Protein backbone atom coordinates (compact mmCIF):
# COMPACT_ATOMS: atom_id res chain seq x y z
CA UNK A 1 -0.11 -0.16 -0.25
CA UNK A 2 3.08 2.28 0.92
CA UNK A 3 4.56 1.65 -2.17
CA UNK A 4 1.24 2.49 -4.40
CA UNK A 5 0.88 5.83 -2.24
CA UNK A 6 4.48 6.83 -3.00
CA UNK A 7 3.61 5.75 -6.92
CA UNK A 8 1.00 8.34 -6.72
CA UNK A 9 2.68 10.78 -5.18
CA UNK A 10 6.29 10.88 -7.94
CA UNK A 11 3.58 10.28 -10.62
CA UNK A 12 1.84 13.66 -9.30
CA UNK A 13 4.83 15.25 -8.83
CA UNK A 14 6.23 14.34 -12.69
CA UNK A 15 2.82 15.73 -13.63
CA UNK A 16 3.22 18.85 -11.77
CA UNK A 17 6.67 19.21 -13.14
CA UNK A 18 6.62 21.18 -16.06
CA UNK A 19 4.29 23.31 -14.91
CA UNK A 20 5.92 24.14 -12.10
CA UNK A 21 9.00 24.67 -13.90
CA UNK A 22 7.80 27.42 -16.44
CA UNK A 23 6.54 29.44 -13.04
CA UNK A 24 9.80 29.26 -11.70
CA UNK A 25 11.56 30.46 -14.43
CA UNK A 26 8.85 33.10 -16.02
CA UNK A 27 7.22 34.26 -12.59
CA UNK A 28 9.51 33.50 -9.68
CA UNK A 29 13.10 34.48 -11.02
CA UNK A 30 11.67 37.55 -12.69
CA UNK A 31 10.60 38.43 -9.13
CA UNK A 32 13.41 38.02 -7.42
CA UNK A 33 15.67 39.78 -10.02
CA UNK A 34 13.34 42.83 -9.37
CA UNK A 35 13.61 42.95 -6.22
CA UNK A 36 17.19 42.79 -5.81
CA UNK A 37 17.72 45.01 -8.49
CA UNK A 38 16.11 47.51 -6.85
CA UNK A 39 18.02 47.97 -3.80
CA UNK A 40 21.09 48.94 -6.63
CA UNK A 41 22.37 52.36 -6.29
CA UNK A 42 22.24 54.30 -9.52
CA UNK A 43 24.46 57.16 -10.30
CA UNK A 44 24.83 59.48 -13.09
CA UNK A 45 25.92 57.26 -16.05
CA UNK A 46 25.85 53.58 -14.53
CA UNK A 47 24.02 50.83 -11.96
CA UNK A 48 26.06 50.15 -9.25
CA UNK A 49 24.96 46.51 -7.95
CA UNK A 50 24.83 47.41 -4.54
CA UNK A 51 22.90 47.04 -1.63
CA UNK A 52 20.82 50.23 -0.78
CA UNK A 53 18.04 51.55 1.08
CA UNK A 54 17.79 54.87 -1.15
CA UNK A 55 15.23 53.47 -4.02
CA UNK A 56 12.72 53.10 -1.33
CA UNK A 57 13.14 56.07 1.25
CA UNK A 58 12.99 58.19 -2.11
CA UNK A 59 9.98 56.50 -3.21
CA UNK A 60 8.14 56.79 0.48
CA UNK A 61 9.86 60.26 1.29
CA UNK A 62 8.42 61.89 -1.92
CA UNK A 63 4.46 63.71 -1.88
CA UNK A 64 4.39 62.48 -5.57
CA UNK A 65 4.38 59.13 -4.79
CA UNK A 66 1.17 59.00 -2.60
CA UNK A 67 -0.29 61.42 -5.10
CA UNK A 68 0.26 59.00 -7.96
CA UNK A 69 -0.61 55.58 -5.45
CA UNK A 70 -3.94 57.63 -4.48
CA UNK A 71 -4.94 58.23 -8.39
CA UNK A 72 -4.05 54.59 -9.15
CA UNK A 73 -6.64 53.75 -6.32
CA UNK A 74 -8.70 56.36 -7.53
CA UNK A 75 -9.21 55.05 -11.30
CA UNK A 76 -9.33 51.09 -9.81
CA UNK A 77 -12.13 51.94 -7.54
CA UNK A 78 -14.07 53.65 -10.35
CA UNK A 79 -13.15 51.27 -13.21
CA UNK A 80 -14.71 48.57 -10.52
CA UNK A 81 -17.95 50.29 -9.60
CA UNK A 82 -19.01 50.64 -13.41
CA UNK A 83 -17.83 47.19 -14.46
CA UNK A 84 -19.39 45.41 -11.40
CA UNK A 85 -22.65 47.60 -12.16
CA UNK A 86 -22.75 46.90 -15.85
CA UNK A 87 -21.25 42.98 -15.65
CA UNK A 88 -23.64 42.21 -13.28
CA UNK A 89 -26.48 43.68 -15.21
CA UNK A 90 -25.20 41.67 -18.34
CA UNK A 91 -25.01 38.44 -16.82
CA UNK A 92 -28.09 38.72 -14.82
CA UNK A 93 -29.78 39.57 -18.40
CA UNK A 94 -27.97 36.85 -19.90
CA UNK A 95 -28.62 34.02 -17.15
CA UNK A 96 -31.98 35.01 -16.00
CA UNK A 97 -33.99 36.43 -18.76
CA UNK A 98 -32.56 34.65 -22.25
CA UNK A 99 -34.11 30.58 -22.08
CA UNK A 100 -32.39 29.60 -25.12
CA UNK A 101 -28.65 28.18 -24.06
CA UNK A 102 -27.80 28.74 -27.85
CA UNK A 103 -28.94 32.43 -27.68
CA UNK A 104 -27.04 32.85 -24.20
CA UNK A 105 -24.02 31.50 -25.76
CA UNK A 106 -24.35 33.70 -29.04
CA UNK A 107 -24.86 36.88 -26.94
CA UNK A 108 -21.81 36.43 -24.55
CA UNK A 109 -19.37 35.57 -27.71
CA UNK A 110 -20.96 39.46 -28.79
CA UNK A 111 -19.61 40.27 -25.54
CA UNK A 112 -15.71 38.91 -26.62
CA UNK A 113 -16.28 40.77 -29.90
CA UNK A 114 -14.15 44.02 -28.74
CA UNK A 115 -11.58 41.84 -27.68
CA UNK A 116 -10.61 40.57 -31.07
CA UNK A 117 -8.69 43.87 -31.75
CA UNK A 118 -5.99 45.08 -29.95
CA UNK A 119 -6.94 47.22 -26.40
CA UNK A 120 -4.60 49.83 -27.75
CA UNK A 121 -6.60 49.92 -30.88
CA UNK A 122 -10.19 49.66 -28.80
CA UNK A 123 -8.48 52.51 -26.48
CA UNK A 124 -7.50 54.87 -29.49
CA UNK A 125 -10.70 54.75 -31.30
CA UNK A 126 -12.30 57.16 -28.56
CA UNK A 127 -10.36 59.82 -28.74
CA UNK A 128 -11.96 61.16 -32.51
CA UNK A 129 -15.30 60.28 -30.85
CA UNK A 130 -14.48 62.13 -27.76
CA UNK A 131 -12.10 64.98 -29.48
CA UNK A 132 -13.28 68.74 -28.91
CA UNK A 133 -14.68 68.23 -33.11
CA UNK A 134 -15.70 64.74 -32.41
CA UNK A 135 -19.07 63.04 -32.90
CA UNK A 136 -19.87 63.41 -29.10
CA UNK A 137 -19.64 67.13 -29.01
CA UNK A 138 -21.19 67.42 -32.75
CA UNK A 139 -24.22 65.96 -31.66
CA UNK A 140 -24.68 67.49 -28.40
CA UNK A 141 -23.96 70.76 -30.21
CA UNK A 142 -26.49 69.65 -33.16
CA UNK A 143 -29.24 68.93 -30.31
CA UNK A 144 -28.65 72.36 -28.64
CA UNK A 145 -27.52 70.65 -25.42
CA UNK A 146 -24.67 72.38 -24.70
CA UNK A 147 -23.57 75.78 -26.31
CA UNK A 148 -20.01 75.17 -26.94
CA UNK A 149 -17.66 71.88 -27.27
CA UNK A 150 -17.36 70.04 -24.37
CA UNK A 151 -13.31 70.03 -23.18
CA UNK A 152 -13.74 67.61 -20.40
CA UNK A 153 -14.52 64.22 -22.88
CA UNK A 154 -10.84 64.25 -23.87
CA UNK A 155 -7.78 64.15 -22.30
CA UNK A 156 -9.32 63.46 -18.48
CA UNK A 157 -9.70 61.43 -16.14
CA UNK A 158 -13.56 60.82 -17.43
CA UNK A 159 -11.53 59.51 -20.67
CA UNK A 160 -9.25 57.61 -18.28
CA UNK A 161 -12.25 56.05 -16.72
CA UNK A 162 -14.46 55.11 -19.70
CA UNK A 163 -11.40 53.48 -21.47
CA UNK A 164 -10.63 51.83 -18.40
CA UNK A 165 -14.41 50.57 -18.30
CA UNK A 166 -14.49 49.92 -21.80
CA UNK A 167 -11.38 47.66 -22.19
CA UNK A 168 -11.83 45.56 -18.73
CA UNK A 169 -15.96 44.99 -18.31
CA UNK A 170 -15.85 42.07 -20.06
CA UNK A 171 -13.50 40.52 -17.38
CA UNK A 172 -16.18 41.33 -14.78
CA UNK A 173 -19.05 39.86 -17.29
CA UNK A 174 -17.63 36.45 -17.85
CA UNK A 175 -17.10 35.28 -13.93
CA UNK A 176 -20.45 37.03 -12.91
CA UNK A 177 -22.00 35.29 -15.76
CA UNK A 178 -20.29 31.71 -15.19
CA UNK A 179 -21.25 31.83 -11.44
CA UNK A 180 -25.07 32.54 -12.32
CA UNK A 181 -25.05 30.03 -14.70
CA UNK A 182 -24.79 27.68 -11.69
CA UNK A 183 -27.31 28.94 -9.67
CA UNK A 184 -30.30 26.07 -8.99
CA UNK A 185 -33.42 28.15 -10.89
CA UNK A 186 -35.23 25.80 -8.17
CA UNK A 187 -34.26 28.06 -5.56
CA UNK A 188 -35.52 31.02 -6.98
CA UNK A 189 -38.95 29.66 -7.82
CA UNK A 190 -39.30 27.97 -4.28
CA UNK A 191 -38.68 32.04 -3.14
CA UNK A 192 -41.39 33.18 -5.28
CA UNK A 193 -43.91 30.43 -4.24
CA UNK A 194 -43.28 31.76 -0.56
CA UNK A 195 -43.88 35.49 -1.64
CA UNK A 196 -40.74 36.91 -2.18
CA UNK A 197 -40.27 40.23 -4.31
CA UNK A 198 -37.91 40.36 -7.00
CA UNK A 199 -35.40 42.66 -5.07
CA UNK A 200 -35.47 39.82 -1.79
CA UNK A 201 -34.40 37.25 -4.26
CA UNK A 202 -31.93 39.60 -6.14
CA UNK A 203 -30.22 40.31 -2.51
CA UNK A 204 -30.75 37.17 -0.81
CA UNK A 205 -30.43 34.59 -3.42
CA UNK A 206 -28.75 35.83 -6.37
CA UNK A 207 -26.11 37.92 -5.00
CA UNK A 208 -24.56 35.71 -2.14
CA UNK A 209 -24.41 33.01 -4.85
CA UNK A 210 -22.44 35.05 -6.85
CA UNK A 211 -20.22 36.52 -4.42
CA UNK A 212 -17.35 34.08 -5.84
CA UNK A 213 -17.40 35.02 -9.72
CA UNK A 214 -17.83 38.81 -8.25
CA UNK A 215 -14.58 38.36 -6.33
CA UNK A 216 -13.09 37.05 -9.56
CA UNK A 217 -14.08 39.58 -11.85
CA UNK A 218 -12.80 42.45 -9.12
CA UNK A 219 -9.34 40.49 -9.08
CA UNK A 220 -8.94 40.77 -12.25
CA UNK A 221 -10.19 44.00 -13.20
CA UNK A 222 -8.08 45.82 -10.26
CA UNK A 223 -4.70 44.11 -11.15
CA UNK A 224 -5.26 44.99 -14.67
CA UNK A 225 -6.14 48.55 -13.90
CA UNK A 226 -3.31 49.00 -11.25
CA UNK A 227 -0.46 47.67 -13.63
CA UNK A 228 -1.38 49.62 -16.75
CA UNK A 229 0.08 53.02 -17.87
CA UNK A 230 -0.71 53.36 -21.50
CA UNK A 231 -4.45 53.79 -21.08
CA UNK A 232 -3.53 56.73 -18.76
CA UNK A 233 -0.80 58.12 -21.00
CA UNK A 234 -3.29 58.31 -24.22
CA UNK A 235 -6.31 58.81 -22.93
CA UNK A 236 -5.50 61.57 -20.22
CA UNK A 237 -3.10 63.80 -22.59
CA UNK A 238 -0.35 62.73 -20.33
CA UNK A 239 -1.60 65.12 -17.49
CA UNK A 240 -2.44 62.31 -15.21
CA UNK A 241 -0.51 60.03 -13.64
CA UNK A 242 -0.39 56.28 -11.82
CA UNK A 243 1.83 53.92 -10.77
CA UNK A 244 2.40 52.03 -14.14
CA UNK A 245 3.41 55.55 -15.20
CA UNK A 246 5.83 56.20 -12.79
CA UNK A 247 7.37 52.83 -13.80
CA UNK A 248 7.18 53.38 -17.42
CA UNK A 249 9.00 56.84 -16.95
CA UNK A 250 11.53 55.59 -14.92
CA UNK A 251 12.76 52.56 -17.42
CA UNK A 252 12.11 55.29 -20.04
CA UNK A 253 14.92 57.21 -18.16
CA UNK A 254 16.89 54.00 -17.79
CA UNK A 255 16.52 54.60 -13.77
CA UNK A 256 15.70 50.46 -13.24
CA UNK A 257 16.68 50.12 -9.72
CA UNK A 258 13.93 52.67 -9.20
CA UNK A 259 11.59 51.24 -11.66
CA UNK A 260 12.27 48.18 -9.77
CA UNK A 261 11.13 49.74 -6.27
CA UNK A 262 8.07 50.52 -7.37
CA UNK A 263 7.35 47.49 -8.98
CA UNK A 264 8.03 45.89 -5.73
CA UNK A 265 6.14 47.99 -3.68
CA UNK A 266 2.99 48.20 -6.35
CA UNK A 267 3.36 44.10 -6.36
CA UNK A 268 2.92 43.99 -2.35
CA UNK A 269 0.30 46.50 -2.64
CA UNK A 270 -1.95 44.08 -5.48
CA UNK A 271 -1.33 41.38 -3.02
CA UNK A 272 -2.25 42.86 0.27
CA UNK A 273 -5.88 43.74 -2.11
CA UNK A 274 -6.01 40.42 -3.09
CA UNK A 275 -5.52 38.51 -0.06
CA UNK A 276 -8.02 40.63 1.67
CA UNK A 277 -10.79 40.22 -1.04
CA UNK A 278 -9.77 36.22 -0.97
CA UNK A 279 -10.20 36.14 2.86
CA UNK A 280 -13.52 37.83 2.46
CA UNK A 281 -15.12 34.93 -0.39
CA UNK A 282 -13.41 31.63 -1.16
CA UNK A 283 -13.10 31.56 -4.66
CA UNK A 284 -11.24 28.33 -4.75
CA UNK A 285 -14.44 26.48 -5.56
CA UNK A 286 -15.01 28.77 -8.84
CA UNK A 287 -11.55 28.37 -10.00
């Protein structure tokens, strides 16, 4: 019996070895290198591989850092709120108002159509629409809603949030839809039989059973938004910044130790957020 158990354990390790190797080579080692480089020194012309806390001291001693992190949290929270509202509504409609499974699959695939093109292309497509002489301002002027073009539609926080929501909503729709499709419809019928209203069914049955999907979508959206930099750069007209842009600027200036230190802090921040979310809801049963 012990021999069989040892054989099964060995087989399991052998099967997991390729994936473990990939994770070590492409995840663990790069993170270790980034952490090591974050402690190196920089001079005017070179990078010195010597242990130094100067990068972190400068990072935490600068008021700009806190402003940038606050801006990052603002973008992440607003994007999460809008994608959650849109994603939950779309998933609810597909799961409970579309009876045909074929139609459900077809509509779900339609939601993925924007992902058939590059994120950058989909993001830049908003620029001619939101510009001062774009379609949005032209429509508002022709309808008499405004007397002059709205400048805040483009190169503003509004444009950044709009692009983030457009790009990331699908990452909220699919996990929530997957969870809702697993809800036993007899529970809803039983609740209706005892006189529960639609709001009561939504609050006491659907939302609690959908929490794992909501948490998975939340993790996707928050991590993607907090690490993004190109959207903020283009849609704000380089007038706003987040942590991703801070790292990108340091890399452009060849300040790799400083960029590494910022990356480590961002990574730890994301891990704390994700860890907190996973303690609230157990999402392992959805994976």
